[in-house]
Structure formats: structure tokens, C-alpha cells
Amino acid sequence: MTVEMVAPDWMHGLVTAEQYATWTAEQCAGVEIVDGMVLVSPGASKRHNRLARLLANALDAAGSDWNADTGFDVRLQDVPLNNRRPDVTVYRAETIDVTPTRPEQVLLVVEVVSPGSETTDRIVKTDQYAKAGIQFYWRVEQAATGAPILYTYVLDPAARRYRDGEVFTGTAKLAAPFPIEIDLGQI
């Protein structure tokens, strides 16, 4: 006897912001909503999760008016519904209890590129975050050997696109979005 995987009914068709608000934490876990469609994300590796957590800890310690956390939705738009779950999000500390988190509450998002997420993290999410008005975007490439590589981007608000910023290996020392120094070799 074989068992076929059948997607639950809530995964068929377009999802609205109102419908998503009624979902359980279990339904929301491991999914993003893009143009109203549910995208299931595979579980991340331990290395990926550790890298995201260590970056979040460093960013959280550096930004006094800002919190940095992992694993929650950022509502990029309501219609069609676009919810992304960045690997790290730096958001206004006073909005910790505000749900959903909106782009105007977010200063920086970080995506850690993994096998299978290359195009999404390098192109698709970059475009979506810029169009939503998030001021800073960082992309972290996991080098096969050695320290990760950090690519930084700054929003050009008139063009609603990111400009290339600095690229770091070893120690990343940045003045924006706030002064921070991160030893990528320790991650």
C-alpha cells in the first residue's frame, strides 16, 4: 500500500491577508506567500541556521533602537499577499509586539544563500525588498571553505532598487545601518 502526499486544502488557490491571519503557527511555519500563492521552504541546514543566529545576535547587540531576530514574517504587501520570512530581520524595537511586521518598521533584511535558494535570494527577494522600501539588504554566501562572504546593498529610493555596497570576507566593519563589526571567520 502506498501513501500519497496530498497538500492540505488551505494550500490550494490564492491566500488573502485575512485568510492568512486565521492560520495556525503550524500552518505558517516553513511557508512564504508570494502573490497570494503558498511557497513551501525546505528546512535550513544547521550551518545556515547558526550563521543567521550569529548575525542576528551581532546586529541585535549593535543597534540600540533596533532588534534583530530570525524566523518571522515580514508583510511586504496585502494585495496580492506577499509575506517573506528573511533569515534575519532588523526592525524598530518599539514594534516588537506589532504583527504583522511591515516594511516601514524594518531597517535591514539578511538572506543566507543555500543550495536551492540562489536565484530567489540573489534576484527575486532583492527586488521585492527594494520595491517594499526596506533600506538595507545583506546577502551572505556560504563559501565551501573559509569564512562566509557578505554582500551589502543600500536602497536607492527613487529607483526602488538596491545599489551595490561593500563586500566583506574576514571582518566586516560597517558604518551603516549603524556602526558594527562582525568577524565572519567566527561564524
C-alpha atoms as a PDB file:
ATOM      1  CA  MET A   1       0.000   0.000   0.000  1.00  0.00           C
ATOM      2  CA  THR A   2       1.348   3.420  -0.889  1.00  0.00           C
ATOM      3  CA  VAL A   3       0.589   6.669   0.801  1.00  0.00           C
ATOM      4  CA  GLU A   4       0.358   9.723  -1.393  1.00  0.00           C
ATOM      5  CA  MET A   5       1.212  13.160  -0.118  1.00  0.00           C
ATOM      6  CA  VAL A   6      -1.772  15.425  -0.510  1.00  0.00           C
ATOM      7  CA  ALA A   7      -1.437  19.129   0.169  1.00  0.00           C
ATOM      8  CA  PRO A   8      -3.995  20.408   2.672  1.00  0.00           C
ATOM      9  CA  ASP A   9      -6.923  22.409   1.287  1.00  0.00           C
ATOM     10  CA  TRP A  10      -5.510  25.692   2.626  1.00  0.00           C
ATOM     11  CA  MET A  11      -2.532  25.344   0.264  1.00  0.00           C
ATOM     12  CA  HIS A  12      -4.690  25.298  -2.880  1.00  0.00           C
ATOM     13  CA  GLY A  13      -5.517  28.604  -4.528  1.00  0.00           C
ATOM     14  CA  LEU A  14      -4.784  32.196  -3.612  1.00  0.00           C
ATOM     15  CA  VAL A  15      -4.428  33.220   0.021  1.00  0.00           C
ATOM     16  CA  THR A  16      -5.599  36.615   1.220  1.00  0.00           C
ATOM     17  CA  ALA A  17      -4.211  38.575   4.166  1.00  0.00           C
ATOM     18  CA  GLU A  18      -7.492  37.936   6.007  1.00  0.00           C
ATOM     19  CA  GLN A  19      -7.225  34.171   5.471  1.00  0.00           C
ATOM     20  CA  TYR A  20      -3.567  34.100   6.469  1.00  0.00           C
ATOM     21  CA  ALA A  21      -4.410  35.888   9.728  1.00  0.00           C
ATOM     22  CA  THR A  22      -6.578  32.893  10.708  1.00  0.00           C
ATOM     23  CA  TRP A  23      -3.883  30.287  10.108  1.00  0.00           C
ATOM     24  CA  THR A  24      -2.207  28.490  12.983  1.00  0.00           C
ATOM     25  CA  ALA A  25       1.504  28.825  13.709  1.00  0.00           C
ATOM     26  CA  GLU A  26       1.888  25.282  12.344  1.00  0.00           C
ATOM     27  CA  GLN A  27       0.308  26.294   9.017  1.00  0.00           C
ATOM     28  CA  CYS A  28       2.569  29.369   8.741  1.00  0.00           C
ATOM     29  CA  ALA A  29       5.784  27.533   9.617  1.00  0.00           C
ATOM     30  CA  GLY A  30       8.044  26.880   6.656  1.00  0.00           C
ATOM     31  CA  VAL A  31       5.981  28.822   4.137  1.00  0.00           C
ATOM     32  CA  GLU A  32       6.129  32.166   2.417  1.00  0.00           C
ATOM     33  CA  ILE A  33       3.305  33.739   0.442  1.00  0.00           C
ATOM     34  CA  VAL A  34       4.186  35.286  -2.919  1.00  0.00           C
ATOM     35  CA  ASP A  35       1.470  36.919  -4.981  1.00  0.00           C
ATOM     36  CA  GLY A  36      -1.074  35.048  -2.873  1.00  0.00           C
ATOM     37  CA  MET A  37       0.433  31.613  -3.523  1.00  0.00           C
ATOM     38  CA  VAL A  38       1.907  29.390  -0.825  1.00  0.00           C
ATOM     39  CA  LEU A  39       5.590  28.558  -1.285  1.00  0.00           C
ATOM     40  CA  VAL A  40       6.917  25.794   0.927  1.00  0.00           C
ATOM     41  CA  SER A  41      10.504  26.316   2.043  1.00  0.00           C
ATOM     42  CA  PRO A  42      12.677  23.320   2.841  1.00  0.00           C
ATOM     43  CA  GLY A  43      14.250  23.188   6.275  1.00  0.00           C
ATOM     44  CA  ALA A  44      17.571  25.008   6.525  1.00  0.00           C
ATOM     45  CA  SER A  45      20.840  23.312   7.434  1.00  0.00           C
ATOM     46  CA  LYS A  46      22.387  23.682  10.874  1.00  0.00           C
ATOM     47  CA  ARG A  47      25.179  25.783   9.322  1.00  0.00           C
ATOM     48  CA  HIS A  48      22.631  28.098   7.706  1.00  0.00           C
ATOM     49  CA  ASN A  49      20.663  28.481  10.950  1.00  0.00           C
ATOM     50  CA  ARG A  50      23.794  29.064  13.021  1.00  0.00           C
ATOM     51  CA  LEU A  51      25.044  31.716  10.602  1.00  0.00           C
ATOM     52  CA  ALA A  52      21.677  33.521  10.692  1.00  0.00           C
ATOM     53  CA  ARG A  53      21.530  33.351  14.500  1.00  0.00           C
ATOM     54  CA  LEU A  54      25.081  34.653  14.975  1.00  0.00           C
ATOM     55  CA  LEU A  55      24.440  37.527  12.560  1.00  0.00           C
ATOM     56  CA  ALA A  56      21.188  38.346  14.362  1.00  0.00           C
ATOM     57  CA  ASN A  57      22.992  38.339  17.726  1.00  0.00           C
ATOM     58  CA  ALA A  58      25.715  40.688  16.431  1.00  0.00           C
ATOM     59  CA  LEU A  59      23.169  43.045  14.845  1.00  0.00           C
ATOM     60  CA  ASP A  60      20.965  42.975  17.941  1.00  0.00           C
ATOM     61  CA  ALA A  61      23.895  43.947  20.176  1.00  0.00           C
ATOM     62  CA  ALA A  62      24.912  46.818  17.871  1.00  0.00           C
ATOM     63  CA  GLY A  63      21.628  48.631  17.256  1.00  0.00           C
ATOM     64  CA  SER A  64      20.188  50.159  20.433  1.00  0.00           C
ATOM     65  CA  ASP A  65      16.876  51.302  18.887  1.00  0.00           C
ATOM     66  CA  TRP A  66      16.637  48.186  16.765  1.00  0.00           C
ATOM     67  CA  ASN A  67      16.022  44.492  17.408  1.00  0.00           C
ATOM     68  CA  ALA A  68      17.391  41.721  15.226  1.00  0.00           C
ATOM     69  CA  ASP A  69      15.651  38.361  15.091  1.00  0.00           C
ATOM     70  CA  THR A  70      15.226  35.307  12.895  1.00  0.00           C
ATOM     71  CA  GLY A  71      12.252  33.326  11.690  1.00  0.00           C
ATOM     72  CA  PHE A  72       9.249  35.636  11.376  1.00  0.00           C
ATOM     73  CA  ASP A  73       7.158  37.071   8.555  1.00  0.00           C
ATOM     74  CA  VAL A  74       7.587  40.489   7.012  1.00  0.00           C
ATOM     75  CA  ARG A  75       4.393  41.560   5.245  1.00  0.00           C
ATOM     76  CA  LEU A  76       5.618  43.201   2.045  1.00  0.00           C
ATOM     77  CA  GLN A  77       2.108  43.877   0.739  1.00  0.00           C
ATOM     78  CA  ASP A  78      -1.501  42.893   1.388  1.00  0.00           C
ATOM     79  CA  VAL A  79      -2.908  42.571  -2.140  1.00  0.00           C
ATOM     80  CA  PRO A  80      -1.827  40.272  -3.531  1.00  0.00           C
ATOM     81  CA  LEU A  81      -0.479  38.920  -0.267  1.00  0.00           C
ATOM     82  CA  ASN A  82       3.322  38.850  -0.083  1.00  0.00           C
ATOM     83  CA  ASN A  83       4.864  37.540   3.132  1.00  0.00           C
ATOM     84  CA  ARG A  84       8.550  36.787   3.219  1.00  0.00           C
ATOM     85  CA  ARG A  85      10.469  35.260   6.094  1.00  0.00           C
ATOM     86  CA  PRO A  86      14.011  36.723   5.927  1.00  0.00           C
ATOM     87  CA  ASP A  87      16.785  34.803   7.638  1.00  0.00           C
ATOM     88  CA  VAL A  88      17.476  37.899   9.778  1.00  0.00           C
ATOM     89  CA  THR A  89      15.301  40.994  10.183  1.00  0.00           C
ATOM     90  CA  VAL A  90      16.363  44.210  11.917  1.00  0.00           C
ATOM     91  CA  TYR A  91      13.258  46.112  12.991  1.00  0.00           C
ATOM     92  CA  ARG A  92      12.283  49.046  15.231  1.00  0.00           C
ATOM     93  CA  ALA A  93      12.487  47.911  18.863  1.00  0.00           C
ATOM     94  CA  GLU A  94       9.222  49.624  19.784  1.00  0.00           C
ATOM     95  CA  THR A  95       7.349  47.465  17.239  1.00  0.00           C
ATOM     96  CA  ILE A  96       8.227  44.142  18.877  1.00  0.00           C
ATOM     97  CA  ASP A  97       4.555  43.379  19.603  1.00  0.00           C
ATOM     98  CA  VAL A  98       3.181  44.693  16.297  1.00  0.00           C
ATOM     99  CA  THR A  99       2.004  41.986  13.905  1.00  0.00           C
ATOM    100  CA  PRO A 100       2.363  41.750  11.004  1.00  0.00           C
ATOM    101  CA  THR A 101       5.755  43.404  10.683  1.00  0.00           C
ATOM    102  CA  ARG A 102       5.630  45.917   7.827  1.00  0.00           C
ATOM    103  CA  PRO A 103       8.488  47.230   5.624  1.00  0.00           C
ATOM    104  CA  GLU A 104       8.358  50.690   7.239  1.00  0.00           C
ATOM    105  CA  GLN A 105       9.260  49.029  10.561  1.00  0.00           C
ATOM    106  CA  VAL A 106      12.253  47.211   9.026  1.00  0.00           C
ATOM    107  CA  LEU A 107      15.728  48.678   8.552  1.00  0.00           C
ATOM    108  CA  LEU A 108      17.619  45.652   7.218  1.00  0.00           C
ATOM    109  CA  VAL A 109      16.930  42.143   5.996  1.00  0.00           C
ATOM    110  CA  VAL A 110      19.566  39.451   5.585  1.00  0.00           C
ATOM    111  CA  GLU A 111      19.295  36.347   3.455  1.00  0.00           C
ATOM    112  CA  VAL A 112      21.740  33.461   3.791  1.00  0.00           C
ATOM    113  CA  VAL A 113      22.044  31.740   0.417  1.00  0.00           C
ATOM    114  CA  SER A 114      21.723  27.968   0.468  1.00  0.00           C
ATOM    115  CA  PRO A 115      21.590  25.363  -2.281  1.00  0.00           C
ATOM    116  CA  GLY A 116      18.167  25.766  -3.837  1.00  0.00           C
ATOM    117  CA  SER A 117      17.678  29.406  -2.806  1.00  0.00           C
ATOM    118  CA  GLU A 118      20.294  31.023  -5.047  1.00  0.00           C
ATOM    119  CA  THR A 119      18.001  32.712  -7.586  1.00  0.00           C
ATOM    120  CA  THR A 120      15.384  33.628  -5.009  1.00  0.00           C
ATOM    121  CA  ASP A 121      17.892  35.224  -2.598  1.00  0.00           C
ATOM    122  CA  ARG A 122      20.083  36.870  -5.253  1.00  0.00           C
ATOM    123  CA  ILE A 123      17.371  38.225  -7.543  1.00  0.00           C
ATOM    124  CA  VAL A 124      13.726  37.745  -6.534  1.00  0.00           C
ATOM    125  CA  LYS A 125      13.860  38.747  -2.863  1.00  0.00           C
ATOM    126  CA  THR A 126      16.277  41.576  -3.624  1.00  0.00           C
ATOM    127  CA  ASP A 127      13.720  43.079  -5.988  1.00  0.00           C
ATOM    128  CA  GLN A 128      10.793  42.531  -3.614  1.00  0.00           C
ATOM    129  CA  TYR A 129      12.549  44.047  -0.602  1.00  0.00           C
ATOM    130  CA  ALA A 130      13.647  47.085  -2.633  1.00  0.00           C
ATOM    131  CA  LYS A 131      10.151  47.678  -4.023  1.00  0.00           C
ATOM    132  CA  ALA A 132       8.790  47.425  -0.462  1.00  0.00           C
ATOM    133  CA  GLY A 133      11.203  50.203   0.589  1.00  0.00           C
ATOM    134  CA  ILE A 134      13.460  48.307   3.008  1.00  0.00           C
ATOM    135  CA  GLN A 135      16.559  50.489   3.274  1.00  0.00           C
ATOM    136  CA  PHE A 136      19.303  47.840   3.575  1.00  0.00           C
ATOM    137  CA  TYR A 137      19.701  44.310   2.221  1.00  0.00           C
ATOM    138  CA  TRP A 138      22.543  41.939   3.008  1.00  0.00           C
ATOM    139  CA  ARG A 139      23.193  38.654   1.255  1.00  0.00           C
ATOM    140  CA  VAL A 140      25.507  36.080   2.755  1.00  0.00           C
ATOM    141  CA  GLU A 141      27.093  33.446   0.566  1.00  0.00           C
ATOM    142  CA  GLN A 142      28.307  30.334   2.336  1.00  0.00           C
ATOM    143  CA  ALA A 143      31.769  29.624   0.982  1.00  0.00           C
ATOM    144  CA  ALA A 144      32.644  25.948   0.616  1.00  0.00           C
ATOM    145  CA  THR A 145      35.825  26.650   2.552  1.00  0.00           C
ATOM    146  CA  GLY A 146      36.689  29.640   4.668  1.00  0.00           C
ATOM    147  CA  ALA A 147      34.549  32.449   6.007  1.00  0.00           C
ATOM    148  CA  PRO A 148      31.205  33.449   4.538  1.00  0.00           C
ATOM    149  CA  ILE A 149      31.085  36.357   2.091  1.00  0.00           C
ATOM    150  CA  LEU A 150      28.851  39.298   2.993  1.00  0.00           C
ATOM    151  CA  TYR A 151      27.391  41.438   0.198  1.00  0.00           C
ATOM    152  CA  THR A 152      25.744  44.688   1.286  1.00  0.00           C
ATOM    153  CA  TYR A 153      23.181  46.746  -0.599  1.00  0.00           C
ATOM    154  CA  VAL A 154      21.635  50.183   0.015  1.00  0.00           C
ATOM    155  CA  LEU A 155      18.253  51.250  -1.315  1.00  0.00           C
ATOM    156  CA  ASP A 156      18.037  53.935  -3.971  1.00  0.00           C
ATOM    157  CA  PRO A 157      14.538  55.134  -3.016  1.00  0.00           C
ATOM    158  CA  ALA A 158      13.913  56.994  -6.291  1.00  0.00           C
ATOM    159  CA  ALA A 159      14.652  53.922  -8.414  1.00  0.00           C
ATOM    160  CA  ARG A 160      13.291  51.456  -5.800  1.00  0.00           C
ATOM    161  CA  ARG A 161      16.349  49.297  -6.426  1.00  0.00           C
ATOM    162  CA  TYR A 162      19.404  48.429  -4.383  1.00  0.00           C
ATOM    163  CA  ARG A 163      22.826  49.867  -5.156  1.00  0.00           C
ATOM    164  CA  ASP A 164      25.793  47.614  -4.585  1.00  0.00           C
ATOM    165  CA  GLY A 165      27.544  48.299  -1.311  1.00  0.00           C
ATOM    166  CA  GLU A 166      30.673  46.770   0.106  1.00  0.00           C
ATOM    167  CA  VAL A 167      31.653  43.107   0.001  1.00  0.00           C
ATOM    168  CA  PHE A 168      33.308  41.556   3.030  1.00  0.00           C
ATOM    169  CA  THR A 169      35.256  38.445   3.927  1.00  0.00           C
ATOM    170  CA  GLY A 170      37.042  38.106   7.224  1.00  0.00           C
ATOM    171  CA  THR A 171      35.959  41.085   9.309  1.00  0.00           C
ATOM    172  CA  ALA A 172      33.014  43.227   8.196  1.00  0.00           C
ATOM    173  CA  LYS A 173      33.260  46.753   9.555  1.00  0.00           C
ATOM    174  CA  LEU A 174      30.287  48.907   8.602  1.00  0.00           C
ATOM    175  CA  ALA A 175      29.079  52.395   9.473  1.00  0.00           C
ATOM    176  CA  ALA A 176      25.545  51.836   8.167  1.00  0.00           C
ATOM    177  CA  PRO A 177      22.863  50.994   9.015  1.00  0.00           C
ATOM    178  CA  PHE A 178      24.671  51.565  12.322  1.00  0.00           C
ATOM    179  CA  PRO A 179      28.287  51.057  13.398  1.00  0.00           C
ATOM    180  CA  ILE A 180      29.025  47.354  13.622  1.00  0.00           C
ATOM    181  CA  GLU A 181      31.973  44.993  13.323  1.00  0.00           C
ATOM    182  CA  ILE A 182      31.385  41.300  12.633  1.00  0.00           C
ATOM    183  CA  ASP A 183      34.131  38.695  12.437  1.00  0.00           C
ATOM    184  CA  LEU A 184      32.794  36.470   9.660  1.00  0.00           C
ATOM    185  CA  GLY A 185      35.578  33.975  10.373  1.00  0.00           C
ATOM    186  CA  GLN A 186      33.934  33.202  13.727  1.00  0.00           C
ATOM    187  CA  ILE A 187      30.647  32.305  12.094  1.00  0.00           C
END
